[in-house]
Amino acid sequence: MMIDKIRNETQYDSVMNLIEGFIAKATAGGGFHSLSELETNELEKLSLLAEKYEDNVLKLMPLPLTINAVVQRKIEELNINQVKLAKMLGLGAPKLSQILSGKREPDVLFLKALHNKLGISGDFLLECV
């Protein structure tokens, strides 16, 4: 690929599709060592371009970061539903639903589970409550 800078979202999406293709190939082949040297170099260049675009452009579009938004993103990333997440966190599904809908305040058990099981920053969690 002969791109030296990502200039718009369309180019960013194209680069991300290429990166995902390399990742899929590596996953199917048993790891990144299964990529050729050329593919590894290309993946590194594309990753750096994407990172630069994200740092310089996407960071300018602030997202409202709430515990709910972060948990919803994790649900999407893990491709699970709230019931499975509740089980993963060691919580009841009704409790999780009430917290995420704003009908119940997050408690220490919930916050600790988010930190320990999902790797969500403790600093972030404390700032949100």
N, C-alpha and C. Protein backbone atom coordinates (compact mmCIF):
# COMPACT_ATOMS: atom_id res chain seq x y z
N MET A 1 0.86 -1.18 0.00
CA MET A 1 0.00 0.00 0.00
C MET A 1 0.90 1.22 0.00
N MET A 2 0.53 2.23 -0.76
CA MET A 2 1.37 3.41 -0.94
C MET A 2 0.81 4.64 -0.23
N ILE A 3 0.09 4.48 0.82
CA ILE A 3 -0.50 5.60 1.53
C ILE A 3 0.47 6.09 2.61
N ASP A 4 0.63 7.42 2.70
CA ASP A 4 1.55 7.96 3.69
C ASP A 4 0.83 8.69 4.82
N LYS A 5 -0.46 8.95 4.62
CA LYS A 5 -1.24 9.64 5.64
C LYS A 5 -2.72 9.35 5.39
N ILE A 6 -3.44 9.16 6.48
CA ILE A 6 -4.89 8.98 6.37
C ILE A 6 -5.51 10.37 6.45
N ARG A 7 -6.27 10.74 5.40
CA ARG A 7 -6.79 12.09 5.31
C ARG A 7 -8.28 12.21 5.65
N ASN A 8 -8.99 11.08 5.64
CA ASN A 8 -10.43 11.15 5.93
C ASN A 8 -10.91 9.81 6.47
N GLU A 9 -12.16 9.80 6.88
CA GLU A 9 -12.73 8.61 7.51
C GLU A 9 -12.81 7.44 6.54
N THR A 10 -13.03 7.71 5.27
CA THR A 10 -13.10 6.64 4.27
C THR A 10 -11.75 5.93 4.17
N GLN A 11 -10.67 6.71 4.11
CA GLN A 11 -9.34 6.12 4.07
C GLN A 11 -9.05 5.35 5.36
N TYR A 12 -9.46 5.93 6.48
CA TYR A 12 -9.28 5.25 7.78
C TYR A 12 -9.99 3.90 7.77
N ASP A 13 -11.24 3.88 7.30
CA ASP A 13 -12.00 2.63 7.24
C ASP A 13 -11.30 1.60 6.35
N SER A 14 -10.75 2.06 5.22
CA SER A 14 -10.03 1.15 4.32
C SER A 14 -8.79 0.57 4.99
N VAL A 15 -8.06 1.42 5.70
CA VAL A 15 -6.86 0.96 6.40
C VAL A 15 -7.25 -0.04 7.49
N MET A 16 -8.32 0.25 8.22
CA MET A 16 -8.76 -0.66 9.27
C MET A 16 -9.20 -1.99 8.69
N ASN A 17 -9.83 -1.99 7.52
CA ASN A 17 -10.21 -3.24 6.87
C ASN A 17 -8.98 -4.07 6.49
N LEU A 18 -7.94 -3.39 6.01
CA LEU A 18 -6.70 -4.09 5.68
C LEU A 18 -6.06 -4.68 6.94
N ILE A 19 -6.04 -3.90 8.01
CA ILE A 19 -5.48 -4.38 9.27
C ILE A 19 -6.26 -5.59 9.75
N GLU A 20 -7.58 -5.50 9.71
CA GLU A 20 -8.42 -6.63 10.14
C GLU A 20 -8.17 -7.86 9.28
N GLY A 21 -7.89 -7.66 8.00
CA GLY A 21 -7.57 -8.79 7.12
C GLY A 21 -6.28 -9.48 7.55
N PHE A 22 -5.26 -8.70 7.89
CA PHE A 22 -4.01 -9.28 8.37
C PHE A 22 -4.22 -10.01 9.69
N ILE A 23 -5.02 -9.43 10.56
CA ILE A 23 -5.30 -10.06 11.86
C ILE A 23 -6.05 -11.37 11.66
N ALA A 24 -7.03 -11.35 10.76
CA ALA A 24 -7.79 -12.58 10.48
C ALA A 24 -6.87 -13.66 9.92
N LYS A 25 -5.98 -13.28 9.02
CA LYS A 25 -5.04 -14.24 8.44
C LYS A 25 -4.12 -14.81 9.52
N ALA A 26 -3.65 -13.92 10.41
CA ALA A 26 -2.76 -14.37 11.48
C ALA A 26 -3.50 -15.31 12.43
N THR A 27 -4.75 -14.97 12.73
CA THR A 27 -5.55 -15.80 13.64
C THR A 27 -5.78 -17.18 13.03
N ALA A 28 -6.11 -17.20 11.75
CA ALA A 28 -6.37 -18.48 11.07
C ALA A 28 -5.09 -19.29 10.92
N GLY A 29 -3.96 -18.60 10.82
CA GLY A 29 -2.69 -19.29 10.61
C GLY A 29 -1.97 -19.68 11.89
N GLY A 30 -2.56 -19.38 13.03
CA GLY A 30 -1.95 -19.78 14.29
C GLY A 30 -1.13 -18.70 14.97
N GLY A 31 -1.15 -17.49 14.46
CA GLY A 31 -0.43 -16.40 15.11
C GLY A 31 0.22 -15.48 14.11
N PHE A 32 0.75 -14.38 14.62
CA PHE A 32 1.34 -13.38 13.73
C PHE A 32 2.62 -13.88 13.07
N HIS A 33 3.26 -14.88 13.65
CA HIS A 33 4.45 -15.44 13.02
C HIS A 33 4.13 -16.11 11.68
N SER A 34 2.84 -16.36 11.43
CA SER A 34 2.46 -17.00 10.17
C SER A 34 2.40 -16.00 9.01
N LEU A 35 2.48 -14.69 9.33
CA LEU A 35 2.51 -13.68 8.27
C LEU A 35 3.91 -13.60 7.68
N SER A 36 3.97 -13.27 6.40
CA SER A 36 5.28 -13.09 5.76
C SER A 36 5.91 -11.80 6.29
N GLU A 37 7.18 -11.64 6.03
CA GLU A 37 7.88 -10.43 6.47
C GLU A 37 7.26 -9.19 5.82
N LEU A 38 6.90 -9.29 4.56
CA LEU A 38 6.26 -8.19 3.85
C LEU A 38 4.92 -7.84 4.50
N GLU A 39 4.13 -8.87 4.82
CA GLU A 39 2.83 -8.64 5.46
C GLU A 39 3.00 -8.03 6.85
N THR A 40 3.98 -8.50 7.59
CA THR A 40 4.24 -7.97 8.92
C THR A 40 4.63 -6.50 8.84
N ASN A 41 5.49 -6.16 7.89
CA ASN A 41 5.90 -4.76 7.71
C ASN A 41 4.71 -3.88 7.31
N GLU A 42 3.88 -4.40 6.42
CA GLU A 42 2.70 -3.66 5.98
C GLU A 42 1.73 -3.44 7.13
N LEU A 43 1.52 -4.48 7.93
CA LEU A 43 0.64 -4.37 9.09
C LEU A 43 1.17 -3.32 10.06
N GLU A 44 2.47 -3.31 10.28
CA GLU A 44 3.06 -2.32 11.19
C GLU A 44 2.86 -0.91 10.65
N LYS A 45 3.10 -0.70 9.37
CA LYS A 45 2.93 0.63 8.77
C LYS A 45 1.47 1.09 8.84
N LEU A 46 0.55 0.18 8.51
CA LEU A 46 -0.87 0.52 8.56
C LEU A 46 -1.32 0.83 9.99
N SER A 47 -0.81 0.07 10.93
CA SER A 47 -1.17 0.29 12.34
C SER A 47 -0.69 1.66 12.81
N LEU A 48 0.51 2.03 12.41
CA LEU A 48 1.04 3.35 12.79
C LEU A 48 0.24 4.48 12.15
N LEU A 49 -0.15 4.29 10.89
CA LEU A 49 -0.98 5.30 10.22
C LEU A 49 -2.33 5.45 10.93
N ALA A 50 -2.94 4.32 11.27
CA ALA A 50 -4.23 4.35 11.95
C ALA A 50 -4.10 5.00 13.32
N GLU A 51 -3.04 4.65 14.03
CA GLU A 51 -2.82 5.23 15.36
C GLU A 51 -2.64 6.75 15.27
N LYS A 52 -1.89 7.20 14.30
CA LYS A 52 -1.66 8.64 14.12
C LYS A 52 -2.98 9.35 13.81
N TYR A 53 -3.79 8.76 12.94
CA TYR A 53 -5.09 9.34 12.60
C TYR A 53 -5.99 9.39 13.83
N GLU A 54 -6.02 8.30 14.59
CA GLU A 54 -6.84 8.26 15.80
C GLU A 54 -6.39 9.31 16.81
N ASP A 55 -5.08 9.43 16.98
CA ASP A 55 -4.55 10.40 17.95
C ASP A 55 -4.80 11.84 17.53
N ASN A 56 -4.71 12.11 16.24
CA ASN A 56 -4.81 13.49 15.76
C ASN A 56 -6.21 13.91 15.34
N VAL A 57 -7.04 12.98 14.93
CA VAL A 57 -8.36 13.34 14.42
C VAL A 57 -9.47 12.84 15.34
N LEU A 58 -9.45 11.57 15.63
CA LEU A 58 -10.55 11.01 16.42
C LEU A 58 -10.58 11.54 17.84
N LYS A 59 -9.42 11.87 18.39
CA LYS A 59 -9.41 12.40 19.75
C LYS A 59 -10.05 13.78 19.82
N LEU A 60 -10.17 14.43 18.69
CA LEU A 60 -10.81 15.75 18.65
C LEU A 60 -12.32 15.64 18.74
N MET A 61 -12.84 14.43 18.60
CA MET A 61 -14.28 14.20 18.69
C MET A 61 -14.55 13.52 20.03
N PRO A 62 -14.70 14.31 21.08
CA PRO A 62 -14.85 13.70 22.40
C PRO A 62 -16.15 12.90 22.51
N LEU A 63 -16.02 11.78 23.16
CA LEU A 63 -17.17 10.93 23.42
C LEU A 63 -17.52 11.07 24.90
N PRO A 64 -18.80 11.14 25.20
CA PRO A 64 -19.17 11.20 26.61
C PRO A 64 -18.86 9.86 27.25
N LEU A 65 -17.88 9.86 28.14
CA LEU A 65 -17.50 8.62 28.78
C LEU A 65 -18.24 8.45 30.09
N THR A 66 -19.08 7.47 30.10
CA THR A 66 -19.81 7.11 31.29
C THR A 66 -19.57 5.64 31.54
N ILE A 67 -19.85 5.20 32.75
CA ILE A 67 -19.72 3.78 33.04
C ILE A 67 -20.62 2.98 32.10
N ASN A 68 -21.84 3.46 31.90
CA ASN A 68 -22.79 2.77 31.03
C ASN A 68 -22.22 2.63 29.61
N ALA A 69 -21.66 3.73 29.07
CA ALA A 69 -21.12 3.70 27.71
C ALA A 69 -19.96 2.72 27.60
N VAL A 70 -19.09 2.70 28.60
CA VAL A 70 -17.94 1.80 28.58
C VAL A 70 -18.40 0.35 28.69
N VAL A 71 -19.36 0.09 29.57
CA VAL A 71 -19.87 -1.28 29.72
C VAL A 71 -20.57 -1.73 28.44
N GLN A 72 -21.36 -0.84 27.83
CA GLN A 72 -22.03 -1.20 26.57
C GLN A 72 -21.00 -1.53 25.49
N ARG A 73 -19.92 -0.76 25.45
CA ARG A 73 -18.85 -1.02 24.47
C ARG A 73 -18.22 -2.38 24.73
N LYS A 74 -18.01 -2.72 25.99
CA LYS A 74 -17.43 -4.02 26.34
C LYS A 74 -18.38 -5.16 25.92
N ILE A 75 -19.68 -4.94 26.12
CA ILE A 75 -20.66 -5.95 25.71
C ILE A 75 -20.55 -6.19 24.21
N GLU A 76 -20.41 -5.11 23.44
CA GLU A 76 -20.27 -5.24 21.99
C GLU A 76 -18.96 -5.94 21.63
N GLU A 77 -17.86 -5.52 22.27
CA GLU A 77 -16.56 -6.10 21.98
C GLU A 77 -16.53 -7.60 22.26
N LEU A 78 -17.14 -8.00 23.37
CA LEU A 78 -17.14 -9.40 23.76
C LEU A 78 -18.22 -10.21 23.06
N ASN A 79 -19.12 -9.49 22.36
CA ASN A 79 -20.23 -10.12 21.64
C ASN A 79 -21.06 -11.00 22.58
N ILE A 80 -21.46 -10.38 23.69
CA ILE A 80 -22.29 -11.07 24.68
C ILE A 80 -23.50 -10.20 25.00
N ASN A 81 -24.42 -10.75 25.78
CA ASN A 81 -25.57 -9.96 26.20
C ASN A 81 -25.42 -9.61 27.68
N GLN A 82 -26.37 -8.84 28.21
CA GLN A 82 -26.28 -8.41 29.60
C GLN A 82 -26.34 -9.59 30.57
N VAL A 83 -27.10 -10.60 30.23
CA VAL A 83 -27.21 -11.77 31.12
C VAL A 83 -25.84 -12.45 31.25
N LYS A 84 -25.16 -12.64 30.13
CA LYS A 84 -23.83 -13.26 30.16
C LYS A 84 -22.83 -12.36 30.88
N LEU A 85 -22.94 -11.04 30.66
CA LEU A 85 -22.04 -10.12 31.36
C LEU A 85 -22.28 -10.18 32.86
N ALA A 86 -23.54 -10.21 33.28
CA ALA A 86 -23.86 -10.29 34.70
C ALA A 86 -23.22 -11.53 35.31
N LYS A 87 -23.33 -12.65 34.63
CA LYS A 87 -22.74 -13.90 35.12
C LYS A 87 -21.22 -13.76 35.21
N MET A 88 -20.62 -13.16 34.18
CA MET A 88 -19.18 -12.95 34.15
C MET A 88 -18.73 -12.08 35.34
N LEU A 89 -19.54 -11.09 35.68
CA LEU A 89 -19.21 -10.17 36.76
C LEU A 89 -19.59 -10.70 38.13
N GLY A 90 -20.33 -11.81 38.17
CA GLY A 90 -20.78 -12.36 39.44
C GLY A 90 -21.93 -11.57 40.04
N LEU A 91 -22.75 -10.99 39.16
CA LEU A 91 -23.90 -10.19 39.58
C LEU A 91 -25.19 -10.81 39.05
N GLY A 92 -26.29 -10.42 39.64
CA GLY A 92 -27.58 -10.81 39.10
C GLY A 92 -27.91 -9.96 37.89
N ALA A 93 -28.56 -10.55 36.90
CA ALA A 93 -28.92 -9.81 35.69
C ALA A 93 -29.84 -8.62 36.00
N PRO A 94 -30.81 -8.75 36.93
CA PRO A 94 -31.66 -7.59 37.23
C PRO A 94 -30.85 -6.42 37.80
N LYS A 95 -29.89 -6.73 38.66
CA LYS A 95 -29.06 -5.67 39.25
C LYS A 95 -28.26 -4.95 38.16
N LEU A 96 -27.63 -5.72 37.28
CA LEU A 96 -26.87 -5.12 36.19
C LEU A 96 -27.76 -4.24 35.33
N SER A 97 -28.92 -4.74 34.99
CA SER A 97 -29.86 -3.98 34.16
C SER A 97 -30.26 -2.67 34.84
N GLN A 98 -30.53 -2.73 36.13
CA GLN A 98 -30.93 -1.52 36.87
C GLN A 98 -29.79 -0.51 36.91
N ILE A 99 -28.57 -0.97 37.10
CA ILE A 99 -27.43 -0.05 37.13
C ILE A 99 -27.23 0.59 35.77
N LEU A 100 -27.26 -0.21 34.72
CA LEU A 100 -27.03 0.32 33.37
C LEU A 100 -28.15 1.23 32.90
N SER A 101 -29.36 1.04 33.41
CA SER A 101 -30.48 1.91 33.02
C SER A 101 -30.58 3.15 33.90
N GLY A 102 -29.72 3.24 34.92
CA GLY A 102 -29.73 4.41 35.79
C GLY A 102 -30.73 4.35 36.92
N LYS A 103 -31.39 3.21 37.07
CA LYS A 103 -32.39 3.06 38.13
C LYS A 103 -31.75 2.70 39.47
N ARG A 104 -30.48 2.34 39.43
CA ARG A 104 -29.76 1.94 40.64
C ARG A 104 -28.34 2.47 40.54
N GLU A 105 -27.82 2.94 41.65
CA GLU A 105 -26.45 3.45 41.68
C GLU A 105 -25.46 2.28 41.68
N PRO A 106 -24.33 2.45 41.00
CA PRO A 106 -23.31 1.41 41.04
C PRO A 106 -22.78 1.26 42.47
N ASP A 107 -22.60 0.04 42.92
CA ASP A 107 -22.03 -0.18 44.25
C ASP A 107 -20.60 -0.67 44.12
N VAL A 108 -19.92 -0.83 45.25
CA VAL A 108 -18.52 -1.23 45.25
C VAL A 108 -18.32 -2.59 44.58
N LEU A 109 -19.21 -3.53 44.84
CA LEU A 109 -19.10 -4.86 44.23
C LEU A 109 -19.12 -4.76 42.70
N PHE A 110 -20.04 -3.97 42.18
CA PHE A 110 -20.16 -3.77 40.73
C PHE A 110 -18.88 -3.12 40.18
N LEU A 111 -18.41 -2.06 40.83
CA LEU A 111 -17.22 -1.35 40.36
C LEU A 111 -15.98 -2.24 40.40
N LYS A 112 -15.84 -3.01 41.47
CA LYS A 112 -14.70 -3.94 41.57
C LYS A 112 -14.76 -4.99 40.48
N ALA A 113 -15.95 -5.49 40.19
CA ALA A 113 -16.10 -6.49 39.14
C ALA A 113 -15.73 -5.92 37.78
N LEU A 114 -16.14 -4.67 37.50
CA LEU A 114 -15.78 -4.05 36.23
C LEU A 114 -14.26 -3.93 36.11
N HIS A 115 -13.64 -3.54 37.20
CA HIS A 115 -12.19 -3.37 37.19
C HIS A 115 -11.48 -4.73 37.04
N ASN A 116 -11.86 -5.70 37.86
CA ASN A 116 -11.16 -6.98 37.89
C ASN A 116 -11.47 -7.87 36.69
N LYS A 117 -12.71 -7.89 36.25
CA LYS A 117 -13.12 -8.82 35.18
C LYS A 117 -13.01 -8.22 33.78
N LEU A 118 -13.23 -6.89 33.67
CA LEU A 118 -13.21 -6.27 32.35
C LEU A 118 -12.00 -5.37 32.13
N GLY A 119 -11.21 -5.17 33.19
CA GLY A 119 -10.01 -4.35 33.06
C GLY A 119 -10.28 -2.87 32.90
N ILE A 120 -11.42 -2.41 33.37
CA ILE A 120 -11.75 -0.99 33.28
C ILE A 120 -10.99 -0.26 34.38
N SER A 121 -10.37 0.83 34.03
CA SER A 121 -9.52 1.58 34.95
C SER A 121 -10.26 1.96 36.22
N GLY A 122 -9.63 1.68 37.34
CA GLY A 122 -10.19 2.06 38.63
C GLY A 122 -10.31 3.57 38.76
N ASP A 123 -9.33 4.31 38.22
CA ASP A 123 -9.38 5.77 38.26
C ASP A 123 -10.62 6.29 37.53
N PHE A 124 -10.86 5.72 36.33
CA PHE A 124 -12.04 6.11 35.55
C PHE A 124 -13.32 5.83 36.33
N LEU A 125 -13.40 4.64 36.92
CA LEU A 125 -14.61 4.27 37.66
C LEU A 125 -14.85 5.21 38.83
N LEU A 126 -13.79 5.56 39.55
CA LEU A 126 -13.94 6.47 40.69
C LEU A 126 -14.34 7.87 40.25
N GLU A 127 -13.84 8.31 39.10
CA GLU A 127 -14.21 9.63 38.59
C GLU A 127 -15.68 9.68 38.19
N CYS A 128 -16.24 8.55 37.80
CA CYS A 128 -17.62 8.52 37.32
C CYS A 128 -18.66 8.45 38.43
N VAL A 129 -18.26 8.03 39.61
CA VAL A 129 -19.25 7.90 40.69
C VAL A 129 -19.18 9.07 41.65
